[in-house]
Amino acid sequence: RTLKGGITNKALNRILGLKRALEGSYEAISGAYEALEEAQASDDVMERMYLTDMREGTRAKHDMVSRFGVMQIELLLDAYAIDFVSMAKQLSLMSKEIEATEGFLRFKLDKARNRLIFLDVMFGMVAMWLAANALF
């Protein structure tokens, strides 16, 4: 749809709803990214993610599997972190597009308001001219 056809209240409400949904999604993704970073910063948390291998086998096997498991978990979490950053950037881009659309809509509304003010002034001048002619 083009915006030339007219700006409706429904369209403005949809844009506002989209903007709020994007902000909520962005906050959720940012929170998930921060949680991933905190988990990766803690060695204890990283080792506890591989609990199934800790329950099985000997201590030597556990140390080797644990180190390998932590490396696997770190790689997996790094991939998730990259995905979260990518999603955050996409949401940020969409938010910027919505802000640009809002700016365009503000421009259109300002233009319509200015036209109404111009017409009001013109009608006022015509009324004043008619009133002046009626006196003479």
C-alpha atoms as a PDB file:
ATOM      1  CA  ARG A   1       0.000   0.000   0.000  1.00  0.00           C
ATOM      2  CA  THR A   2       1.115   3.496  -0.668  1.00  0.00           C
ATOM      3  CA  LEU A   3       0.756   6.362   1.732  1.00  0.00           C
ATOM      4  CA  LYS A   4      -0.534   8.648  -1.005  1.00  0.00           C
ATOM      5  CA  GLY A   5      -4.033   7.200  -0.698  1.00  0.00           C
ATOM      6  CA  GLY A   6      -4.494   8.715   2.712  1.00  0.00           C
ATOM      7  CA  ILE A   7      -3.406   8.416   6.268  1.00  0.00           C
ATOM      8  CA  THR A   8      -5.927   6.623   8.408  1.00  0.00           C
ATOM      9  CA  ASN A   9      -6.144   6.229  12.140  1.00  0.00           C
ATOM     10  CA  LYS A  10      -6.042   2.458  11.644  1.00  0.00           C
ATOM     11  CA  ALA A  11      -2.722   2.691   9.781  1.00  0.00           C
ATOM     12  CA  LEU A  12      -1.209   4.896  12.478  1.00  0.00           C
ATOM     13  CA  ASN A  13      -2.338   2.483  15.197  1.00  0.00           C
ATOM     14  CA  ARG A  14      -0.834  -0.457  13.289  1.00  0.00           C
ATOM     15  CA  ILE A  15       2.485   1.362  12.991  1.00  0.00           C
ATOM     16  CA  LEU A  16       2.449   2.124  16.709  1.00  0.00           C
ATOM     17  CA  GLY A  17       1.670  -1.528  17.478  1.00  0.00           C
ATOM     18  CA  LEU A  18       4.511  -2.703  15.245  1.00  0.00           C
ATOM     19  CA  LYS A  19       6.918  -0.294  16.875  1.00  0.00           C
ATOM     20  CA  ARG A  20       5.999  -1.515  20.371  1.00  0.00           C
ATOM     21  CA  ALA A  21       6.295  -5.165  19.306  1.00  0.00           C
ATOM     22  CA  LEU A  22       9.727  -4.497  17.797  1.00  0.00           C
ATOM     23  CA  GLU A  23      10.894  -2.757  20.962  1.00  0.00           C
ATOM     24  CA  GLY A  24       9.743  -5.722  23.070  1.00  0.00           C
ATOM     25  CA  SER A  25      11.443  -8.214  20.768  1.00  0.00           C
ATOM     26  CA  TYR A  26      14.635  -6.156  20.756  1.00  0.00           C
ATOM     27  CA  GLU A  27      14.699  -6.097  24.568  1.00  0.00           C
ATOM     28  CA  ALA A  28      14.123  -9.862  24.710  1.00  0.00           C
ATOM     29  CA  ILE A  29      16.918 -10.568  22.238  1.00  0.00           C
ATOM     30  CA  SER A  30      19.268  -8.187  24.043  1.00  0.00           C
ATOM     31  CA  GLY A  31      18.487  -9.929  27.330  1.00  0.00           C
ATOM     32  CA  ALA A  32      19.127 -13.358  25.823  1.00  0.00           C
ATOM     33  CA  TYR A  33      22.418 -12.133  24.363  1.00  0.00           C
ATOM     34  CA  GLU A  34      23.526 -10.739  27.729  1.00  0.00           C
ATOM     35  CA  ALA A  35      22.593 -14.025  29.439  1.00  0.00           C
ATOM     36  CA  LEU A  36      24.681 -15.939  26.891  1.00  0.00           C
ATOM     37  CA  GLU A  37      27.638 -13.651  27.480  1.00  0.00           C
ATOM     38  CA  GLU A  38      27.348 -14.096  31.251  1.00  0.00           C
ATOM     39  CA  ALA A  39      27.171 -17.879  30.885  1.00  0.00           C
ATOM     40  CA  GLN A  40      30.224 -17.922  28.642  1.00  0.00           C
ATOM     41  CA  ALA A  41      32.168 -15.758  31.086  1.00  0.00           C
ATOM     42  CA  SER A  42      31.655 -18.264  33.916  1.00  0.00           C
ATOM     43  CA  ASP A  43      33.746 -21.449  33.686  1.00  0.00           C
ATOM     44  CA  ASP A  44      31.646 -23.089  36.392  1.00  0.00           C
ATOM     45  CA  VAL A  45      28.427 -22.541  34.432  1.00  0.00           C
ATOM     46  CA  MET A  46      30.033 -23.846  31.251  1.00  0.00           C
ATOM     47  CA  GLU A  47      31.171 -27.053  32.986  1.00  0.00           C
ATOM     48  CA  ARG A  48      27.747 -27.631  34.538  1.00  0.00           C
ATOM     49  CA  MET A  49      26.147 -27.572  31.101  1.00  0.00           C
ATOM     50  CA  TYR A  50      27.777 -30.915  30.407  1.00  0.00           C
ATOM     51  CA  LEU A  51      26.346 -32.708  33.472  1.00  0.00           C
ATOM     52  CA  THR A  52      25.358 -35.938  31.685  1.00  0.00           C
ATOM     53  CA  ASP A  53      28.997 -36.739  30.942  1.00  0.00           C
ATOM     54  CA  MET A  54      30.003 -35.882  34.502  1.00  0.00           C
ATOM     55  CA  ARG A  55      27.719 -38.640  35.860  1.00  0.00           C
ATOM     56  CA  GLU A  56      29.251 -41.346  33.675  1.00  0.00           C
ATOM     57  CA  GLY A  57      32.743 -42.824  33.677  1.00  0.00           C
ATOM     58  CA  THR A  58      35.964 -42.162  35.496  1.00  0.00           C
ATOM     59  CA  ARG A  59      37.472 -38.886  36.554  1.00  0.00           C
ATOM     60  CA  ALA A  60      40.078 -38.927  33.737  1.00  0.00           C
ATOM     61  CA  LYS A  61      37.382 -39.587  31.178  1.00  0.00           C
ATOM     62  CA  HIS A  62      35.283 -36.875  32.813  1.00  0.00           C
ATOM     63  CA  ASP A  63      38.096 -34.301  32.506  1.00  0.00           C
ATOM     64  CA  MET A  64      38.647 -35.042  28.829  1.00  0.00           C
ATOM     65  CA  VAL A  65      34.943 -35.156  27.995  1.00  0.00           C
ATOM     66  CA  SER A  66      34.302 -32.081  30.115  1.00  0.00           C
ATOM     67  CA  ARG A  67      36.940 -30.023  28.297  1.00  0.00           C
ATOM     68  CA  PHE A  68      35.681 -31.224  24.925  1.00  0.00           C
ATOM     69  CA  GLY A  69      32.076 -30.620  25.996  1.00  0.00           C
ATOM     70  CA  VAL A  70      32.845 -27.107  27.197  1.00  0.00           C
ATOM     71  CA  MET A  71      34.481 -26.343  23.861  1.00  0.00           C
ATOM     72  CA  GLN A  72      31.403 -27.660  22.043  1.00  0.00           C
ATOM     73  CA  ILE A  73      29.105 -25.610  24.267  1.00  0.00           C
ATOM     74  CA  GLU A  74      31.230 -22.498  23.752  1.00  0.00           C
ATOM     75  CA  LEU A  75      31.063 -22.930  19.979  1.00  0.00           C
ATOM     76  CA  LEU A  76      27.321 -23.483  20.122  1.00  0.00           C
ATOM     77  CA  LEU A  77      26.786 -20.455  22.359  1.00  0.00           C
ATOM     78  CA  ASP A  78      29.011 -18.353  20.098  1.00  0.00           C
ATOM     79  CA  ALA A  79      26.810 -19.330  17.155  1.00  0.00           C
ATOM     80  CA  TYR A  80      23.711 -18.376  19.146  1.00  0.00           C
ATOM     81  CA  ALA A  81      25.311 -15.081  20.136  1.00  0.00           C
ATOM     82  CA  ILE A  82      26.030 -14.298  16.478  1.00  0.00           C
ATOM     83  CA  ASP A  83      22.406 -15.115  15.626  1.00  0.00           C
ATOM     84  CA  PHE A  84      21.171 -12.851  18.432  1.00  0.00           C
ATOM     85  CA  VAL A  85      23.372  -9.990  17.245  1.00  0.00           C
ATOM     86  CA  SER A  86      22.081 -10.486  13.705  1.00  0.00           C
ATOM     87  CA  MET A  87      18.462 -10.480  14.898  1.00  0.00           C
ATOM     88  CA  ALA A  88      19.092  -7.378  16.998  1.00  0.00           C
ATOM     89  CA  LYS A  89      20.549  -5.586  13.980  1.00  0.00           C
ATOM     90  CA  GLN A  90      17.586  -6.580  11.821  1.00  0.00           C
ATOM     91  CA  LEU A  91      15.139  -5.367  14.481  1.00  0.00           C
ATOM     92  CA  SER A  92      17.090  -2.135  14.802  1.00  0.00           C
ATOM     93  CA  LEU A  93      16.893  -1.654  11.031  1.00  0.00           C
ATOM     94  CA  MET A  94      13.146  -2.284  11.071  1.00  0.00           C
ATOM     95  CA  SER A  95      12.786   0.185  13.918  1.00  0.00           C
ATOM     96  CA  LYS A  96      14.661   2.810  11.904  1.00  0.00           C
ATOM     97  CA  GLU A  97      12.370   2.143   8.928  1.00  0.00           C
ATOM     98  CA  ILE A  98       9.324   2.631  11.158  1.00  0.00           C
ATOM     99  CA  GLU A  99      10.793   5.877  12.487  1.00  0.00           C
ATOM    100  CA  ALA A 100      11.364   7.043   8.898  1.00  0.00           C
ATOM    101  CA  THR A 101       7.757   6.173   8.080  1.00  0.00           C
ATOM    102  CA  GLU A 102       6.611   8.096  11.151  1.00  0.00           C
ATOM    103  CA  GLY A 103       8.641  11.083   9.970  1.00  0.00           C
ATOM    104  CA  PHE A 104       7.048  10.859   6.550  1.00  0.00           C
ATOM    105  CA  LEU A 105       3.591  10.654   8.128  1.00  0.00           C
ATOM    106  CA  ARG A 106       4.381  13.674  10.310  1.00  0.00           C
ATOM    107  CA  PHE A 107       5.407  15.548   7.174  1.00  0.00           C
ATOM    108  CA  LYS A 108       2.143  14.615   5.447  1.00  0.00           C
ATOM    109  CA  LEU A 109       0.123  15.654   8.500  1.00  0.00           C
ATOM    110  CA  ASP A 110       2.005  18.954   8.759  1.00  0.00           C
ATOM    111  CA  LYS A 111       1.323  19.609   5.086  1.00  0.00           C
ATOM    112  CA  ALA A 112      -2.408  18.934   5.572  1.00  0.00           C
ATOM    113  CA  ARG A 113      -2.456  21.164   8.676  1.00  0.00           C
ATOM    114  CA  ASN A 114      -0.731  23.981   6.788  1.00  0.00           C
ATOM    115  CA  ARG A 115      -3.275  23.714   3.985  1.00  0.00           C
ATOM    116  CA  LEU A 116      -6.102  23.988   6.520  1.00  0.00           C
ATOM    117  CA  ILE A 117      -4.497  27.042   8.099  1.00  0.00           C
ATOM    118  CA  PHE A 118      -4.067  28.620   4.664  1.00  0.00           C
ATOM    119  CA  LEU A 119      -7.738  27.969   3.814  1.00  0.00           C
ATOM    120  CA  ASP A 120      -8.820  29.371   7.179  1.00  0.00           C
ATOM    121  CA  VAL A 121      -6.838  32.559   6.557  1.00  0.00           C
ATOM    122  CA  MET A 122      -8.220  32.843   3.019  1.00  0.00           C
ATOM    123  CA  PHE A 123     -11.816  32.384   4.192  1.00  0.00           C
ATOM    124  CA  GLY A 124     -11.180  34.934   6.935  1.00  0.00           C
ATOM    125  CA  MET A 125      -9.857  37.432   4.404  1.00  0.00           C
ATOM    126  CA  VAL A 126     -12.828  36.823   2.069  1.00  0.00           C
ATOM    127  CA  ALA A 127     -15.237  37.242   4.973  1.00  0.00           C
ATOM    128  CA  MET A 128     -13.509  40.454   6.018  1.00  0.00           C
ATOM    129  CA  TRP A 129     -13.612  41.764   2.426  1.00  0.00           C
ATOM    130  CA  LEU A 130     -17.330  40.911   2.147  1.00  0.00           C
ATOM    131  CA  ALA A 131     -18.026  42.584   5.499  1.00  0.00           C
ATOM    132  CA  ALA A 132     -16.110  45.678   4.398  1.00  0.00           C
ATOM    133  CA  ASN A 133     -18.023  45.831   1.100  1.00  0.00           C
ATOM    134  CA  ALA A 134     -21.307  45.457   2.943  1.00  0.00           C
ATOM    135  CA  LEU A 135     -20.522  48.544   5.006  1.00  0.00           C
ATOM    136  CA  PHE A 136     -19.933  50.762   1.979  1.00  0.00           C
END
